[in-house]
Amino acid sequence: MKIPLEAWEPRTAIGREVKEGKVKSLSEILRRGIPIKEPEIVDLLVPGLEDKILSINFVQRMHKSGRRNKYRILVVVGNRDGLVGVGHNSAREIREAIRKATLTAKMNLVEVARGCGSWECRCDRPHSVPVEGRGKYGSVEITLKPAPRGLGLVASEIPRTVLELAGVKDAWTFSRGETRATLNLAMATVEALKNLTKVALVGRKRGIQLGPAGGESSG
């Protein structure tokens, strides 16, 4: 059962700062490298996040008391404007598994750098990725490349969904490894986006823009 934000009693120092209004931007938390331990922080600072289920698996394991069944859910959340997160969790009931996976995804939110890094476009709008970026998770490695405006997302279903909720509208993607492993593919995509953001924060290249959580614009 979800607790109303008014009744939320923060358990962490950053949670108390958010509720007291001392911290008003999720970007401030992410750039300070503070882990988000309470999903209410996200609910307060970024209301209205969209979520999508990437996979549902029914798993069984033997226990001394008998066979135990659980649902394992993989969820992505994002605001389609510079924030995205992936989470997975399991529970005996599918509704509870979805709830837990969604909360985990909220606590795994990352800030995404966007821009127009394509030599074919150069419109200076934040529709694509600013530079080429790579991400690796487990056996899967994915490369994101800038694409001209209007091309769309040249990607398989999992990275396309992650990129859409991150606010990236045009990009080339190339992946290798065991891409049928949905979790690894989704997490590799997030890792690639995180690496792009590191480049944006350090390089401040023209055309790079962070989402509204970052409060930055290319002008």
Protein backbone atom coordinates (compact mmCIF):
# COMPACT_ATOMS: atom_id res chain seq x y z
CA MET A 1 0.00 0.00 0.00
CA LYS A 2 1.40 3.34 -1.08
CA ILE A 3 1.90 5.93 1.64
CA PRO A 4 0.76 9.50 0.74
CA LEU A 5 3.71 11.87 0.31
CA GLU A 6 2.29 14.09 3.08
CA ALA A 7 2.62 11.19 5.52
CA TRP A 8 6.08 10.17 4.32
CA GLU A 9 8.69 10.09 7.08
CA PRO A 10 12.15 10.16 5.43
CA ARG A 11 14.71 7.66 6.68
CA THR A 12 17.74 9.24 5.01
CA ALA A 13 19.41 12.64 5.27
CA ILE A 14 18.80 13.45 1.59
CA GLY A 15 15.18 12.40 2.01
CA ARG A 16 14.75 14.90 4.83
CA GLU A 17 16.35 17.66 2.75
CA VAL A 18 13.94 16.91 -0.11
CA LYS A 19 10.87 16.95 2.10
CA GLU A 20 11.99 20.18 3.78
CA GLY A 21 12.45 21.80 0.37
CA LYS A 22 16.21 22.25 0.68
CA VAL A 23 16.77 20.07 -2.40
CA LYS A 24 14.44 20.83 -5.29
CA SER A 25 16.10 19.03 -8.19
CA LEU A 26 16.80 15.38 -8.73
CA SER A 27 19.80 16.45 -10.79
CA GLU A 28 21.42 17.88 -7.68
CA ILE A 29 21.18 14.50 -5.97
CA LEU A 30 22.46 12.56 -8.98
CA ARG A 31 25.41 14.88 -9.61
CA ARG A 32 26.44 14.73 -5.98
CA GLY A 33 26.61 10.95 -6.37
CA ILE A 34 24.12 10.33 -3.56
CA PRO A 35 22.30 7.00 -3.90
CA ILE A 36 18.51 7.23 -3.85
CA LYS A 37 17.27 4.88 -1.12
CA GLU A 38 13.67 6.10 -0.97
CA PRO A 39 11.33 6.11 -4.00
CA GLU A 40 9.34 8.92 -2.40
CA ILE A 41 12.22 11.25 -3.27
CA VAL A 42 11.55 10.58 -6.95
CA ASP A 43 7.77 10.80 -6.52
CA LEU A 44 8.16 14.25 -4.98
CA LEU A 45 10.76 15.68 -7.36
CA VAL A 46 9.66 14.00 -10.60
CA PRO A 47 5.92 13.23 -10.45
CA GLY A 48 4.24 11.46 -13.33
CA LEU A 49 7.00 9.11 -14.44
CA GLU A 50 5.96 6.67 -17.14
CA ASP A 51 6.71 2.98 -16.68
CA LYS A 52 6.79 0.00 -19.02
CA ILE A 53 7.29 -3.71 -18.40
CA LEU A 54 10.19 -5.13 -20.39
CA SER A 55 9.82 -8.76 -19.41
CA ILE A 56 7.83 -11.13 -17.19
CA ASN A 57 9.33 -14.48 -16.24
CA PHE A 58 7.87 -17.27 -14.15
CA VAL A 59 10.62 -18.91 -12.10
CA GLN A 60 10.64 -21.95 -9.86
CA ARG A 61 13.11 -23.18 -7.31
CA MET A 62 13.15 -26.16 -5.03
CA HIS A 63 13.15 -25.69 -1.26
CA LYS A 64 13.15 -28.25 1.51
CA SER A 65 9.50 -27.36 2.09
CA GLY A 66 8.66 -27.89 -1.58
CA ARG A 67 8.63 -26.04 -4.87
CA ARG A 68 8.44 -22.25 -4.70
CA ASN A 69 7.11 -20.15 -7.57
CA LYS A 70 7.78 -16.49 -8.25
CA TYR A 71 7.33 -13.90 -10.97
CA ARG A 72 10.43 -11.98 -12.01
CA ILE A 73 9.69 -8.60 -13.58
CA LEU A 74 11.91 -6.14 -15.46
CA VAL A 75 10.62 -2.55 -15.62
CA VAL A 76 11.86 0.72 -17.14
CA VAL A 77 10.69 4.13 -15.94
CA GLY A 78 11.32 7.56 -17.47
CA ASN A 79 9.92 11.01 -18.12
CA ARG A 80 10.77 11.07 -21.87
CA ASP A 81 12.82 14.17 -21.12
CA GLY A 82 16.22 13.25 -19.74
CA LEU A 83 15.57 10.72 -16.96
CA VAL A 84 15.42 6.92 -17.16
CA GLY A 85 15.88 3.96 -14.84
CA VAL A 86 15.68 0.17 -15.04
CA GLY A 87 14.79 -2.17 -12.18
CA HIS A 88 14.01 -5.83 -11.67
CA ASN A 89 12.50 -7.71 -8.76
CA SER A 90 10.46 -10.78 -7.95
CA ALA A 91 7.50 -11.82 -5.82
CA ARG A 92 4.93 -14.58 -5.57
CA GLU A 93 2.18 -12.37 -6.98
CA ILE A 94 2.64 -10.64 -10.30
CA ARG A 95 1.17 -7.33 -9.11
CA GLU A 96 3.57 -7.19 -6.16
CA ALA A 97 6.51 -8.10 -8.41
CA ILE A 98 5.63 -5.21 -10.76
CA ARG A 99 5.33 -2.80 -7.84
CA LYS A 100 8.71 -3.82 -6.40
CA ALA A 101 10.44 -3.68 -9.79
CA THR A 102 9.00 -0.21 -10.45
CA LEU A 103 10.25 1.08 -7.09
CA THR A 104 13.69 -0.34 -7.84
CA ALA A 105 13.71 1.36 -11.25
CA LYS A 106 12.86 4.71 -9.63
CA MET A 107 15.80 4.37 -7.26
CA ASN A 108 18.06 3.56 -10.23
CA LEU A 109 17.22 6.72 -12.20
CA VAL A 110 20.03 8.31 -14.20
CA GLU A 111 20.29 11.63 -15.99
CA VAL A 112 20.64 11.41 -19.76
CA ALA A 113 22.63 13.77 -21.98
CA ARG A 114 20.97 14.55 -25.30
CA GLY A 115 22.02 16.63 -28.26
CA CYS A 116 22.58 16.57 -32.01
CA GLY A 117 25.90 14.92 -32.67
CA SER A 118 25.11 13.80 -36.22
CA TRP A 119 27.19 15.36 -39.01
CA GLU A 120 24.17 14.81 -41.28
CA CYS A 121 21.94 17.07 -39.20
CA ARG A 122 23.61 19.60 -36.88
CA CYS A 123 20.29 21.19 -35.91
CA ASP A 124 21.48 21.81 -32.33
CA ARG A 125 18.28 20.29 -30.94
CA PRO A 126 18.32 17.63 -28.18
CA HIS A 127 16.74 14.87 -30.27
CA SER A 128 19.61 12.38 -30.35
CA VAL A 129 22.78 11.55 -28.44
CA PRO A 130 25.63 14.10 -28.49
CA VAL A 131 28.45 11.67 -29.22
CA GLU A 132 28.99 7.96 -29.67
CA GLY A 133 28.68 6.00 -26.44
CA ARG A 134 29.17 2.40 -25.38
CA GLY A 135 27.79 0.38 -22.50
CA LYS A 136 28.46 -3.15 -21.30
CA TYR A 137 26.57 -5.33 -18.86
CA GLY A 138 27.24 -9.03 -18.48
CA SER A 139 27.74 -10.58 -21.91
CA VAL A 140 26.05 -7.73 -23.80
CA GLU A 141 27.72 -4.64 -25.24
CA ILE A 142 25.79 -1.88 -27.03
CA THR A 143 26.91 1.18 -28.98
CA LEU A 144 24.77 4.30 -29.39
CA LYS A 145 25.52 6.63 -32.30
CA PRO A 146 24.04 10.05 -33.15
CA ALA A 147 21.46 10.06 -35.94
CA PRO A 148 19.87 12.83 -38.03
CA ARG A 149 16.54 14.26 -36.96
CA GLY A 150 13.57 12.27 -38.22
CA LEU A 151 15.39 8.95 -38.61
CA GLY A 152 13.89 7.45 -35.46
CA LEU A 153 15.44 4.77 -33.28
CA VAL A 154 17.23 2.04 -35.19
CA ALA A 155 17.16 -0.47 -32.34
CA SER A 156 15.57 -3.68 -31.16
CA GLU A 157 12.58 -3.55 -28.80
CA ILE A 158 14.40 -3.40 -25.45
CA PRO A 159 16.94 -0.60 -26.14
CA ARG A 160 14.31 1.27 -28.15
CA THR A 161 11.94 1.32 -25.16
CA VAL A 162 14.71 2.49 -22.81
CA LEU A 163 15.77 5.25 -25.23
CA GLU A 164 12.18 6.39 -25.80
CA LEU A 165 11.54 6.84 -22.07
CA ALA A 166 14.89 8.63 -21.78
CA GLY A 167 13.79 11.18 -24.36
CA VAL A 168 16.13 10.11 -27.18
CA LYS A 169 14.17 10.21 -30.46
CA ASP A 170 16.82 9.44 -33.07
CA ALA A 171 19.81 7.10 -32.77
CA TRP A 172 21.69 4.23 -34.36
CA THR A 173 22.35 1.26 -32.10
CA PHE A 174 24.64 -1.73 -32.51
CA SER A 175 24.70 -4.58 -30.01
CA ARG A 176 26.60 -7.81 -29.62
CA GLY A 177 26.72 -10.67 -27.17
CA GLU A 178 23.80 -12.64 -25.77
CA THR A 179 21.21 -10.02 -26.67
CA ARG A 180 18.34 -12.37 -25.83
CA ALA A 181 19.22 -11.73 -22.17
CA THR A 182 16.71 -8.92 -21.66
CA LEU A 183 18.13 -7.67 -18.35
CA ASN A 184 21.68 -7.45 -19.70
CA LEU A 185 20.54 -5.63 -22.85
CA ALA A 186 18.46 -3.10 -20.90
CA MET A 187 21.21 -2.45 -18.37
CA ALA A 188 23.86 -2.15 -21.10
CA THR A 189 21.71 0.55 -22.74
CA VAL A 190 21.50 2.44 -19.45
CA GLU A 191 25.26 2.12 -18.99
CA ALA A 192 25.80 3.63 -22.45
CA LEU A 193 23.54 6.56 -21.55
CA LYS A 194 25.40 7.07 -18.27
CA ASN A 195 28.71 7.18 -20.11
CA LEU A 196 27.31 9.79 -22.51
CA THR A 197 26.24 11.94 -19.58
CA LYS A 198 29.75 11.79 -18.11
CA VAL A 199 31.09 13.12 -21.41
CA ALA A 200 28.48 15.90 -21.41
CA LEU A 201 29.27 17.02 -17.87
CA VAL A 202 33.01 17.05 -18.49
CA GLY A 203 33.19 18.30 -22.08
CA ARG A 204 30.25 20.74 -22.21
CA LYS A 205 30.17 20.25 -25.97
CA ARG A 206 27.89 22.44 -28.08
CA GLY A 207 24.44 20.97 -28.61
CA ILE A 208 24.47 18.80 -25.49
CA GLN A 209 21.45 19.22 -23.28
CA LEU A 210 20.43 17.54 -20.06
CA GLY A 211 16.79 17.01 -19.25
CA PRO A 212 14.70 19.27 -17.01
CA ALA A 213 16.15 17.54 -13.95
CA GLY A 214 19.50 19.00 -14.98
CA GLY A 215 18.25 22.46 -15.71
CA GLU A 216 20.73 22.81 -18.59
CA SER A 217 20.04 23.91 -22.13
CA SER A 218 22.04 24.38 -25.27
CA GLY A 219 20.35 27.73 -25.81
